[in-house]
N, C-alpha and C. Protein backbone atom coordinates (compact mmCIF):
# COMPACT_ATOMS: atom_id res chain seq x y z
N MET A 1 212.93 -61.46 -33.70
CA MET A 1 213.23 -62.31 -33.70
C MET A 1 212.44 -63.54 -33.22
N HIS A 2 212.95 -63.30 -31.19
CA HIS A 2 212.51 -64.49 -30.33
C HIS A 2 211.63 -64.75 -30.72
N GLN A 3 210.14 -63.69 -30.60
CA GLN A 3 209.00 -64.33 -30.84
C GLN A 3 208.85 -65.24 -32.00
N ARG A 4 209.62 -65.28 -33.24
CA ARG A 4 209.16 -66.18 -34.10
C ARG A 4 209.99 -67.92 -33.56
N PRO A 5 210.83 -67.87 -32.98
CA PRO A 5 210.52 -70.14 -32.65
C PRO A 5 210.20 -70.13 -31.62
N GLN A 6 209.16 -68.73 -30.77
CA GLN A 6 208.34 -69.35 -29.95
C GLN A 6 206.95 -69.55 -30.24
N ARG A 7 207.01 -68.97 -30.91
CA ARG A 7 205.18 -69.64 -32.44
C ARG A 7 205.32 -70.64 -32.57
N ARG A 8 206.64 -71.14 -32.62
CA ARG A 8 206.93 -72.14 -33.99
C ARG A 8 206.67 -73.24 -32.93
N SER A 9 207.48 -73.15 -31.65
CA SER A 9 207.57 -74.29 -30.51
C SER A 9 206.35 -73.92 -30.40
N SER A 10 205.29 -73.38 -29.76
CA SER A 10 203.63 -72.90 -29.38
C SER A 10 203.11 -74.20 -30.31
N TYR A 11 203.52 -73.88 -31.80
CA TYR A 11 202.59 -74.32 -31.99
C TYR A 11 202.55 -76.03 -32.90
N LEU A 12 204.11 -76.08 -32.52
CA LEU A 12 204.36 -77.88 -32.43
C LEU A 12 203.41 -78.18 -31.46
N LYS A 13 203.46 -77.88 -30.43
CA LYS A 13 202.99 -78.06 -28.96
C LYS A 13 201.99 -78.64 -29.19
N LEU A 14 200.67 -77.74 -29.60
CA LEU A 14 199.93 -77.10 -30.33
C LEU A 14 198.91 -78.84 -31.04
N VAL A 15 199.05 -79.05 -32.17
CA VAL A 15 199.46 -79.96 -33.33
C VAL A 15 199.88 -81.21 -32.13
N LEU A 16 200.55 -81.19 -31.72
CA LEU A 16 201.00 -82.80 -30.79
C LEU A 16 199.67 -82.78 -30.06
N LEU A 17 199.68 -82.03 -29.39
CA LEU A 17 198.25 -82.05 -28.23
C LEU A 17 197.12 -82.26 -29.03
N ALA A 18 196.43 -81.84 -30.09
CA ALA A 18 195.10 -82.11 -30.60
C ALA A 18 195.86 -83.14 -31.48
N ALA A 19 196.88 -83.80 -31.52
CA ALA A 19 197.09 -85.31 -32.13
C ALA A 19 196.68 -86.35 -30.69
N PHE A 20 197.47 -85.61 -30.34
CA PHE A 20 196.98 -86.88 -29.02
C PHE A 20 195.60 -87.45 -28.46
N PHE A 21 194.79 -85.67 -28.08
CA PHE A 21 193.68 -85.81 -28.33
C PHE A 21 192.84 -86.46 -28.83
N LEU A 22 192.85 -86.31 -30.35
CA LEU A 22 191.84 -86.96 -31.17
C LEU A 22 192.20 -88.62 -32.00
N GLY A 23 193.41 -88.93 -30.77
CA GLY A 23 193.87 -90.37 -30.87
C GLY A 23 194.54 -90.61 -32.36
N ALA A 24 194.79 -89.95 -32.86
CA ALA A 24 196.39 -89.60 -34.15
C ALA A 24 197.41 -91.09 -33.28
N PRO A 25 197.63 -91.41 -34.03
CA PRO A 25 199.02 -92.22 -34.03
C PRO A 25 200.06 -91.58 -33.58
N LEU A 26 201.06 -91.04 -33.40
CA LEU A 26 202.33 -91.18 -33.70
C LEU A 26 204.06 -92.25 -33.70
N ALA A 27 204.43 -91.57 -34.83
CA ALA A 27 205.67 -92.33 -34.56
C ALA A 27 206.21 -92.64 -33.23
N SER A 28 206.09 -92.17 -32.32
CA SER A 28 206.78 -92.79 -30.65
C SER A 28 205.87 -93.52 -30.59
N GLN A 29 204.94 -94.22 -30.95
CA GLN A 29 204.31 -95.50 -30.51
C GLN A 29 203.88 -96.44 -31.16
N GLN A 30 204.39 -96.19 -32.03
CA GLN A 30 205.21 -97.44 -32.89
C GLN A 30 206.34 -98.13 -32.19
N PRO A 31 206.37 -99.38 -31.52
CA PRO A 31 207.66 -100.21 -31.50
C PRO A 31 208.79 -99.38 -31.59
N ARG A 32 210.26 -99.62 -32.16
CA ARG A 32 211.45 -99.07 -32.75
C ARG A 32 211.72 -100.04 -32.97
N GLY A 33 211.15 -99.79 -34.88
CA GLY A 33 212.14 -100.94 -35.54
C GLY A 33 211.19 -101.79 -36.22
N ALA A 34 209.88 -101.12 -35.22
CA ALA A 34 208.61 -101.99 -36.37
C ALA A 34 207.67 -101.47 -37.21
N PRO A 35 207.32 -102.52 -38.41
CA PRO A 35 207.38 -102.15 -39.82
C PRO A 35 205.53 -101.47 -39.64
N ARG A 36 205.41 -100.06 -39.77
CA ARG A 36 204.30 -99.41 -39.77
C ARG A 36 202.72 -100.49 -40.59
N ILE A 37 202.07 -100.42 -39.77
CA ILE A 37 200.34 -101.15 -39.89
C ILE A 37 199.56 -99.64 -39.89
N GLY A 38 198.55 -99.58 -40.94
CA GLY A 38 197.85 -98.80 -41.06
C GLY A 38 196.61 -99.08 -40.90
N ILE A 39 195.36 -98.16 -40.77
CA ILE A 39 194.69 -98.69 -40.74
C ILE A 39 193.71 -99.62 -40.99
N ASN A 40 193.22 -100.20 -40.89
CA ASN A 40 192.03 -101.30 -41.51
C ASN A 40 193.36 -102.09 -42.17
N GLN A 41 194.27 -103.13 -41.44
CA GLN A 41 195.55 -103.58 -42.43
C GLN A 41 195.22 -104.86 -41.72
N ARG A 42 196.15 -105.77 -42.74
CA ARG A 42 196.14 -107.32 -41.97
C ARG A 42 197.92 -106.61 -42.85
N THR A 43 198.59 -108.07 -41.65
CA THR A 43 199.71 -108.23 -41.61
C THR A 43 199.84 -110.02 -40.29
N ARG A 44 200.83 -110.22 -41.22
CA ARG A 44 201.40 -111.27 -40.86
C ARG A 44 202.93 -111.31 -39.32
N CYS A 45 202.16 -112.20 -38.36
CA CYS A 45 203.13 -111.41 -37.26
C CYS A 45 203.08 -113.01 -36.18
N THR A 46 204.58 -113.25 -35.73
CA THR A 46 204.88 -114.10 -35.00
C THR A 46 204.44 -113.88 -33.52
N ILE A 47 204.17 -115.39 -32.90
CA ILE A 47 203.95 -114.64 -32.13
C ILE A 47 204.78 -114.85 -30.66
N THR A 48 205.85 -113.73 -29.79
CA THR A 48 206.90 -114.42 -29.47
C THR A 48 206.40 -114.74 -27.48
N HIS A 49 205.63 -113.39 -27.06
CA HIS A 49 205.05 -114.25 -26.35
C HIS A 49 203.80 -113.70 -25.42
N ILE A 50 203.13 -114.63 -24.52
CA ILE A 50 201.78 -114.26 -23.87
C ILE A 50 202.21 -113.87 -23.08
N SER A 51 201.45 -112.41 -22.59
CA SER A 51 201.22 -111.79 -21.45
C SER A 51 200.71 -111.89 -20.31
N ASP A 52 198.84 -112.06 -20.96
CA ASP A 52 198.20 -112.27 -20.63
C ASP A 52 196.81 -112.52 -21.73
N GLY A 53 195.74 -112.52 -20.67
CA GLY A 53 194.43 -112.52 -21.56
C GLY A 53 194.54 -112.27 -22.63
N ASP A 54 195.08 -110.93 -22.93
CA ASP A 54 193.90 -110.24 -24.06
C ASP A 54 195.29 -108.87 -24.49
N SER A 55 196.78 -109.33 -24.01
CA SER A 55 197.86 -109.16 -24.62
C SER A 55 198.63 -110.18 -24.68
N VAL A 56 199.23 -110.10 -25.97
CA VAL A 56 200.84 -110.51 -26.61
C VAL A 56 201.85 -109.82 -27.10
N PHE A 57 202.57 -110.71 -27.77
CA PHE A 57 204.11 -109.75 -28.14
C PHE A 57 203.63 -110.29 -29.81
N CYS A 58 203.88 -109.91 -30.60
CA CYS A 58 203.67 -110.88 -31.67
C CYS A 58 204.89 -109.78 -32.91
N SER A 59 206.20 -110.49 -32.96
CA SER A 59 207.27 -109.97 -33.97
C SER A 59 206.79 -110.43 -35.55
N PRO A 60 206.68 -108.84 -36.16
CA PRO A 60 207.75 -107.96 -35.31
C PRO A 60 207.09 -107.03 -35.74
N LEU A 61 205.30 -106.86 -34.73
CA LEU A 61 205.30 -105.41 -34.52
C LEU A 61 205.27 -104.87 -33.07
N GLY A 62 205.44 -106.08 -31.89
CA GLY A 62 205.44 -105.50 -31.00
C GLY A 62 204.91 -106.25 -30.19
N ARG A 63 204.73 -105.24 -29.05
CA ARG A 63 203.26 -105.17 -27.98
C ARG A 63 202.16 -105.11 -28.93
N VAL A 64 201.24 -106.33 -28.18
CA VAL A 64 199.57 -106.93 -29.28
C VAL A 64 198.80 -106.81 -28.51
N ARG A 65 197.42 -105.37 -28.46
CA ARG A 65 196.52 -105.67 -27.23
C ARG A 65 195.08 -106.18 -28.24
N LEU A 66 194.61 -107.37 -27.72
CA LEU A 66 193.66 -108.03 -28.65
C LEU A 66 192.43 -106.92 -28.18
N LEU A 67 191.59 -106.36 -29.45
CA LEU A 67 190.23 -105.86 -29.47
C LEU A 67 188.99 -106.17 -29.43
N LEU A 68 188.21 -105.29 -28.51
CA LEU A 68 187.00 -105.46 -28.01
C LEU A 68 186.39 -106.80 -26.65
N ILE A 69 188.39 -107.49 -26.48
CA ILE A 69 187.65 -108.12 -24.89
C ILE A 69 188.67 -108.03 -23.85
N ASP A 70 188.29 -108.07 -22.54
CA ASP A 70 189.43 -107.51 -21.19
C ASP A 70 189.39 -108.93 -20.40
N ALA A 71 190.32 -109.40 -20.48
CA ALA A 71 190.65 -110.87 -19.55
C ALA A 71 190.71 -110.37 -17.95
N PRO A 72 190.88 -111.20 -17.03
CA PRO A 72 191.49 -111.02 -15.79
C PRO A 72 192.56 -110.10 -15.65
N GLU A 73 193.97 -109.66 -15.14
CA GLU A 73 194.44 -109.54 -15.41
C GLU A 73 195.72 -110.91 -13.84
N LEU A 74 197.15 -110.40 -14.44
CA LEU A 74 197.20 -112.01 -14.00
C LEU A 74 197.69 -111.52 -12.16
N SER A 75 197.25 -110.21 -11.55
CA SER A 75 196.65 -109.37 -9.96
C SER A 75 196.36 -110.06 -9.59
N ASP A 76 195.32 -110.80 -10.38
CA ASP A 76 193.74 -111.52 -10.15
C ASP A 76 193.67 -112.95 -9.69
N GLY A 77 195.25 -113.30 -9.26
CA GLY A 77 195.09 -114.88 -9.09
C GLY A 77 195.11 -115.58 -10.05
N LYS A 78 194.08 -116.67 -9.47
CA LYS A 78 193.45 -118.01 -10.82
C LYS A 78 193.37 -117.42 -11.61
N ILE A 79 192.61 -117.05 -11.23
CA ILE A 79 191.40 -116.54 -13.01
C ILE A 79 192.24 -115.88 -14.34
N GLY A 80 193.13 -115.05 -13.61
CA GLY A 80 194.27 -114.29 -15.06
C GLY A 80 195.51 -115.08 -15.06
N ARG A 81 195.12 -116.69 -14.18
CA ARG A 81 196.40 -116.70 -14.32
C ARG A 81 195.66 -118.39 -15.82
N GLU A 82 194.49 -119.00 -14.95
CA GLU A 82 193.61 -119.18 -16.91
C GLU A 82 193.14 -119.11 -17.61
N SER A 83 193.02 -117.46 -18.12
CA SER A 83 192.63 -116.61 -19.21
C SER A 83 194.08 -116.61 -20.02
N ARG A 84 194.98 -116.31 -19.04
CA ARG A 84 196.58 -116.46 -20.05
C ARG A 84 196.74 -117.66 -20.47
N GLU A 85 196.41 -118.97 -19.91
CA GLU A 85 196.52 -120.94 -20.63
C GLU A 85 195.86 -120.34 -21.86
N GLU A 86 194.71 -120.53 -21.29
CA GLU A 86 193.73 -120.70 -22.95
C GLU A 86 193.76 -119.32 -23.76
N LEU A 87 194.56 -118.86 -23.95
CA LEU A 87 195.73 -118.06 -24.75
C LEU A 87 196.58 -118.68 -25.26
N ARG A 88 197.28 -119.27 -24.75
CA ARG A 88 199.00 -120.02 -24.52
C ARG A 88 198.30 -121.31 -25.26
N GLU A 89 197.28 -122.18 -24.62
CA GLU A 89 196.72 -123.22 -25.75
C GLU A 89 196.34 -123.25 -26.66
N MET A 90 195.62 -121.57 -27.33
CA MET A 90 194.65 -121.02 -28.27
C MET A 90 195.67 -120.73 -29.40
N MET A 91 197.16 -120.39 -29.07
CA MET A 91 198.07 -119.59 -30.24
C MET A 91 199.30 -120.06 -28.79
N PRO A 92 199.70 -120.88 -29.09
CA PRO A 92 201.40 -121.15 -28.21
C PRO A 92 202.73 -120.35 -29.04
N VAL A 93 203.42 -119.96 -28.74
CA VAL A 93 204.78 -119.32 -29.14
C VAL A 93 205.23 -119.66 -29.91
N GLY A 94 205.24 -119.10 -30.89
CA GLY A 94 205.92 -119.61 -32.93
C GLY A 94 204.44 -119.97 -33.53
N THR A 95 203.27 -119.48 -33.33
CA THR A 95 202.49 -119.87 -33.47
C THR A 95 203.08 -118.33 -34.76
N GLN A 96 202.23 -117.67 -36.14
CA GLN A 96 202.36 -117.49 -36.88
C GLN A 96 200.61 -117.07 -37.72
N VAL A 97 200.11 -115.83 -37.56
CA VAL A 97 199.01 -115.00 -36.96
C VAL A 97 198.46 -114.24 -38.09
N ILE A 98 197.47 -113.72 -38.45
CA ILE A 98 197.62 -112.56 -39.44
C ILE A 98 196.56 -111.44 -37.61
N ALA A 99 197.54 -110.12 -37.86
CA ALA A 99 196.84 -109.12 -37.28
C ALA A 99 195.99 -108.45 -38.12
N GLU A 100 194.96 -107.60 -37.65
CA GLU A 100 194.51 -106.79 -38.70
C GLU A 100 193.67 -105.87 -37.86
N THR A 101 193.87 -104.58 -37.63
CA THR A 101 193.90 -103.42 -37.47
C THR A 101 192.61 -103.31 -37.34
N ASP A 102 191.75 -102.45 -36.63
CA ASP A 102 190.37 -101.41 -37.11
C ASP A 102 190.78 -100.04 -37.16
N VAL A 103 190.21 -99.10 -36.30
CA VAL A 103 190.47 -97.56 -37.33
C VAL A 103 190.99 -96.65 -36.13
N ARG A 104 191.67 -96.75 -34.94
CA ARG A 104 192.31 -97.01 -34.30
C ARG A 104 194.30 -98.19 -34.50
N VAL A 105 194.81 -97.47 -34.67
CA VAL A 105 195.76 -98.26 -34.91
C VAL A 105 196.79 -98.93 -33.11
N THR A 106 196.56 -98.32 -32.47
CA THR A 106 197.93 -97.87 -31.22
C THR A 106 196.55 -97.85 -30.29
N ASP A 107 197.01 -97.43 -29.02
CA ASP A 107 196.55 -96.93 -27.79
C ASP A 107 197.71 -95.94 -26.73
N GLN A 108 197.12 -95.70 -26.14
CA GLN A 108 198.05 -94.25 -24.99
C GLN A 108 199.37 -95.58 -24.42
N PHE A 109 199.64 -96.52 -24.50
CA PHE A 109 200.84 -97.47 -24.05
C PHE A 109 202.15 -98.07 -25.77
N GLY A 110 201.34 -97.82 -26.84
CA GLY A 110 201.82 -98.30 -27.17
C GLY A 110 201.94 -99.45 -28.29
N ARG A 111 200.44 -99.51 -27.78
CA ARG A 111 200.18 -100.98 -28.38
C ARG A 111 199.80 -101.20 -29.97
N VAL A 112 200.14 -102.58 -29.58
CA VAL A 112 199.49 -101.80 -31.41
C VAL A 112 197.35 -103.26 -31.40
N LEU A 113 196.76 -102.04 -31.72
CA LEU A 113 195.34 -102.80 -31.69
C LEU A 113 194.92 -103.78 -32.59
N ALA A 114 194.67 -104.99 -31.72
CA ALA A 114 193.92 -106.54 -33.55
C ALA A 114 193.39 -106.61 -33.18
N TYR A 115 192.53 -107.38 -34.36
CA TYR A 115 191.62 -108.78 -34.30
C TYR A 115 193.80 -109.63 -34.87
N LEU A 116 193.53 -110.57 -34.26
CA LEU A 116 194.07 -112.01 -34.80
C LEU A 116 193.71 -113.09 -35.32
N TYR A 117 193.85 -113.47 -35.73
CA TYR A 117 193.62 -114.65 -37.31
C TYR A 117 194.64 -116.29 -36.75
N LEU A 118 194.17 -117.01 -35.83
CA LEU A 118 195.05 -118.22 -36.77
C LEU A 118 194.88 -119.17 -38.16
N PRO A 119 195.66 -119.56 -38.01
CA PRO A 119 196.30 -120.26 -39.33
C PRO A 119 195.93 -120.72 -40.29
N ALA A 120 194.93 -121.68 -39.07
CA ALA A 120 192.88 -122.30 -39.37
C ALA A 120 191.94 -120.47 -40.14
N GLY A 121 192.66 -119.73 -39.48
CA GLY A 121 191.03 -118.70 -39.59
C GLY A 121 190.06 -117.99 -38.92
N GLY A 122 190.08 -119.15 -37.91
CA GLY A 122 189.38 -117.85 -36.62
C GLY A 122 189.71 -117.54 -35.76
N MET A 123 188.85 -116.16 -35.18
CA MET A 123 189.78 -114.90 -34.81
C MET A 123 190.07 -115.42 -33.27
N VAL A 124 191.07 -115.39 -31.98
CA VAL A 124 191.24 -114.97 -31.47
C VAL A 124 190.70 -114.75 -30.32
N ASN A 125 190.93 -112.88 -30.58
CA ASN A 125 189.52 -112.27 -30.10
C ASN A 125 188.10 -113.19 -29.09
N GLU A 126 187.39 -113.59 -31.01
CA GLU A 126 186.61 -114.17 -30.40
C GLU A 126 186.24 -115.53 -29.83
N LYS A 127 187.07 -116.38 -29.98
CA LYS A 127 187.75 -117.35 -29.65
C LYS A 127 187.59 -117.42 -27.73
N MET A 128 188.84 -116.60 -27.57
CA MET A 128 188.50 -116.23 -26.15
C MET A 128 186.65 -115.64 -25.47
N ALA A 129 185.96 -114.98 -26.40
CA ALA A 129 185.78 -114.67 -25.69
C ALA A 129 184.56 -116.38 -25.74
N GLN A 130 184.24 -116.63 -27.01
CA GLN A 130 183.39 -117.77 -26.76
C GLN A 130 183.35 -118.94 -25.74
N SER A 131 185.15 -119.26 -25.77
CA SER A 131 185.55 -119.79 -24.02
C SER A 131 184.97 -119.52 -22.97
N GLY A 132 184.30 -118.41 -22.54
CA GLY A 132 184.61 -117.67 -20.92
C GLY A 132 185.44 -117.16 -20.86
N TYR A 133 186.75 -117.06 -21.25
CA TYR A 133 187.84 -116.06 -20.77
C TYR A 133 188.25 -115.29 -20.74
N ALA A 134 187.26 -114.56 -21.83
CA ALA A 134 187.11 -113.19 -21.43
C ALA A 134 186.06 -111.92 -22.05
N THR A 135 185.95 -110.25 -21.32
CA THR A 135 184.62 -110.35 -21.73
C THR A 135 185.17 -108.95 -22.53
N THR A 136 183.47 -108.40 -23.41
CA THR A 136 183.59 -107.65 -24.10
C THR A 136 184.11 -106.25 -23.23
N LEU A 137 185.39 -105.16 -24.46
CA LEU A 137 185.13 -104.00 -23.62
C LEU A 137 185.51 -102.98 -25.42
N VAL A 138 184.75 -101.96 -24.90
CA VAL A 138 184.64 -102.28 -26.45
C VAL A 138 185.25 -100.09 -25.75
N TYR A 139 186.38 -99.57 -26.62
CA TYR A 139 187.05 -98.08 -27.39
C TYR A 139 186.67 -98.09 -28.77
N PRO A 140 185.16 -97.31 -28.85
CA PRO A 140 184.67 -96.47 -30.55
C PRO A 140 186.13 -96.25 -30.19
N PRO A 141 187.14 -96.26 -31.41
CA PRO A 141 185.94 -95.75 -32.80
C PRO A 141 186.25 -97.83 -32.97
N ASN A 142 187.01 -98.18 -32.34
CA ASN A 142 187.39 -99.60 -32.99
C ASN A 142 186.38 -100.43 -32.54
N VAL A 143 184.80 -100.70 -33.18
CA VAL A 143 183.88 -100.96 -33.16
C VAL A 143 183.34 -102.32 -34.16
N LYS A 144 184.72 -102.80 -35.09
CA LYS A 144 184.20 -103.18 -36.49
C LYS A 144 183.28 -105.11 -36.37
N TYR A 145 183.60 -105.20 -35.28
CA TYR A 145 183.59 -106.97 -35.22
C TYR A 145 183.26 -106.80 -33.40
N VAL A 146 182.17 -105.98 -33.27
CA VAL A 146 181.75 -105.61 -31.58
C VAL A 146 180.41 -106.67 -31.34
N GLU A 147 180.01 -106.77 -32.24
CA GLU A 147 178.52 -107.73 -32.59
C GLU A 147 178.67 -109.64 -32.14
N ARG A 148 179.50 -109.41 -32.95
CA ARG A 148 180.39 -111.02 -32.96
C ARG A 148 180.80 -111.29 -31.45
N ILE A 149 181.69 -110.66 -31.22
CA ILE A 149 181.94 -110.63 -29.50
C ILE A 149 181.10 -110.33 -28.25
N ARG A 150 179.78 -109.60 -28.53
CA ARG A 150 178.90 -109.61 -27.68
C ARG A 150 178.71 -111.27 -27.84
N ALA A 151 177.70 -111.08 -29.15
CA ALA A 151 177.78 -112.73 -29.37
C ALA A 151 178.14 -113.92 -28.59
N ALA A 152 179.21 -113.52 -28.47
CA ALA A 152 180.07 -114.78 -28.27
C ALA A 152 180.82 -115.07 -26.89
N VAL A 153 180.84 -113.46 -26.17
CA VAL A 153 180.43 -113.46 -24.71
C VAL A 153 179.36 -113.99 -24.03
N GLU A 154 177.89 -113.31 -24.58
CA GLU A 154 176.70 -114.45 -24.50
C GLU A 154 176.53 -115.58 -24.14
N SER A 155 177.25 -116.64 -25.53
CA SER A 155 177.35 -116.78 -25.73
C SER A 155 177.44 -118.11 -24.67
N ALA A 156 178.93 -118.00 -24.33
CA ALA A 156 179.63 -118.17 -22.75
C ALA A 156 178.70 -117.71 -21.70
N ARG A 157 178.66 -116.86 -21.53
CA ARG A 157 177.50 -116.22 -19.83
C ARG A 157 177.40 -117.53 -19.92
N LYS A 158 176.39 -117.65 -20.64
CA LYS A 158 174.92 -117.88 -20.50
C LYS A 158 175.34 -120.07 -20.46
N ALA A 159 176.86 -120.08 -20.82
CA ALA A 159 176.17 -122.00 -20.97
C ALA A 159 177.78 -122.39 -19.44
N LYS A 160 177.91 -120.76 -18.83
CA LYS A 160 178.63 -121.09 -17.92
C LYS A 160 179.92 -122.02 -18.04
N ARG A 161 181.00 -121.18 -19.43
CA ARG A 161 182.17 -121.60 -20.34
C ARG A 161 183.18 -120.98 -18.95
N GLY A 162 184.42 -121.37 -19.12
CA GLY A 162 185.45 -120.91 -19.13
C GLY A 162 185.37 -120.84 -16.92
N LEU A 163 185.33 -118.70 -17.46
CA LEU A 163 185.46 -118.79 -16.60
C LEU A 163 183.94 -117.97 -15.56
N TRP A 164 182.75 -117.79 -16.81
CA TRP A 164 181.74 -117.86 -15.63
C TRP A 164 180.91 -119.00 -15.33
N ALA A 165 181.85 -120.26 -14.94
CA ALA A 165 181.83 -121.33 -14.64
C ALA A 165 181.56 -121.23 -13.36
N GLU A 166 183.15 -120.65 -12.90
CA GLU A 166 183.38 -120.52 -11.68
C GLU A 166 183.64 -119.04 -10.64
N GLY A 167 182.26 -118.46 -10.94
CA GLY A 167 182.19 -116.52 -10.94
C GLY A 167 183.83 -115.81 -10.79
N GLY A 168 184.19 -116.12 -12.10
CA GLY A 168 185.08 -115.32 -12.37
C GLY A 168 185.21 -113.90 -13.21
N PHE A 169 184.14 -113.95 -13.39
CA PHE A 169 183.74 -112.37 -14.09
C PHE A 169 182.33 -111.17 -13.24
N ASP A 170 183.06 -111.88 -11.69
CA ASP A 170 181.81 -111.21 -10.80
C ASP A 170 182.07 -110.10 -10.30
N CYS A 171 183.38 -109.54 -10.55
CA CYS A 171 184.23 -108.68 -10.60
C CYS A 171 184.73 -108.33 -12.45
N LEU A 172 184.55 -107.83 -13.15
CA LEU A 172 184.83 -107.38 -14.54
C LEU A 172 186.03 -107.31 -14.54
N PRO A 173 186.93 -106.88 -15.53
CA PRO A 173 188.47 -106.95 -15.58
C PRO A 173 188.95 -105.67 -14.84
N ARG A 174 188.00 -104.88 -15.80
CA ARG A 174 187.87 -103.47 -16.11
C ARG A 174 187.89 -102.71 -14.57
N ASP A 175 186.95 -103.37 -13.39
CA ASP A 175 186.69 -102.77 -12.35
C ASP A 175 187.93 -103.23 -11.70
N TYR A 176 188.26 -104.00 -12.31
CA TYR A 176 189.29 -104.84 -10.47
C TYR A 176 190.31 -103.64 -10.79
N ARG A 177 190.40 -103.15 -12.20
CA ARG A 177 191.17 -102.76 -12.77
C ARG A 177 191.37 -101.30 -11.93
N ALA A 178 190.51 -100.68 -11.67
CA ALA A 178 189.85 -99.58 -11.47
C ALA A 178 189.72 -99.77 -9.84
N GLY A 179 190.44 -100.89 -8.75
CA GLY A 179 190.40 -100.35 -7.46
C GLY A 179 188.29 -100.86 -7.02
N ARG A 180 187.43 -101.12 -7.63
CA ARG A 180 185.72 -101.30 -7.31
C ARG A 180 185.67 -102.12 -6.94
N CYS A 181 186.29 -104.14 -6.60
CA CYS A 181 185.92 -104.57 -6.51
C CYS A 181 186.95 -105.05 -4.87
N ARG A 182 185.93 -105.71 -3.99
CA ARG A 182 186.34 -105.82 -2.56
C ARG A 182 187.15 -107.41 -2.48
């Protein structure tokens, strides 16, 4: 009799581990009280805070990480602040946007992973890349618009727009976070 509850507990642990490693969103990854949003869905939300150049709070979704882009961290100084300011100007607090998910809806930090669209229809992720304040960061399976983002980054790099003009991407944000920059 004592083995049965143990087996059930072991089975539950196995299922949770499998879900984690396979990238299945768990209920605990959704912000408390946030509406559920599924794979490849769109929903309206309102910007309540701009965290940095690639992360926002959007009510009622909670924390949202913009897909396929990577912007400098605030701890990276001036370039981090410039990237956040570009995003603030593009979609100030109070802006209603459309959030579109891809294959994986949340990340390991519980943030909703999304492409955001302005009221006029432009994709915020792409505009950040076009303006030169974000670079490409791909985490498959979320690759729906990867070629659009790559083209926007390349255009900004060639034209030396935004941070490309001042060497802001001499150390890519992912390398900065990993401590690989001097």
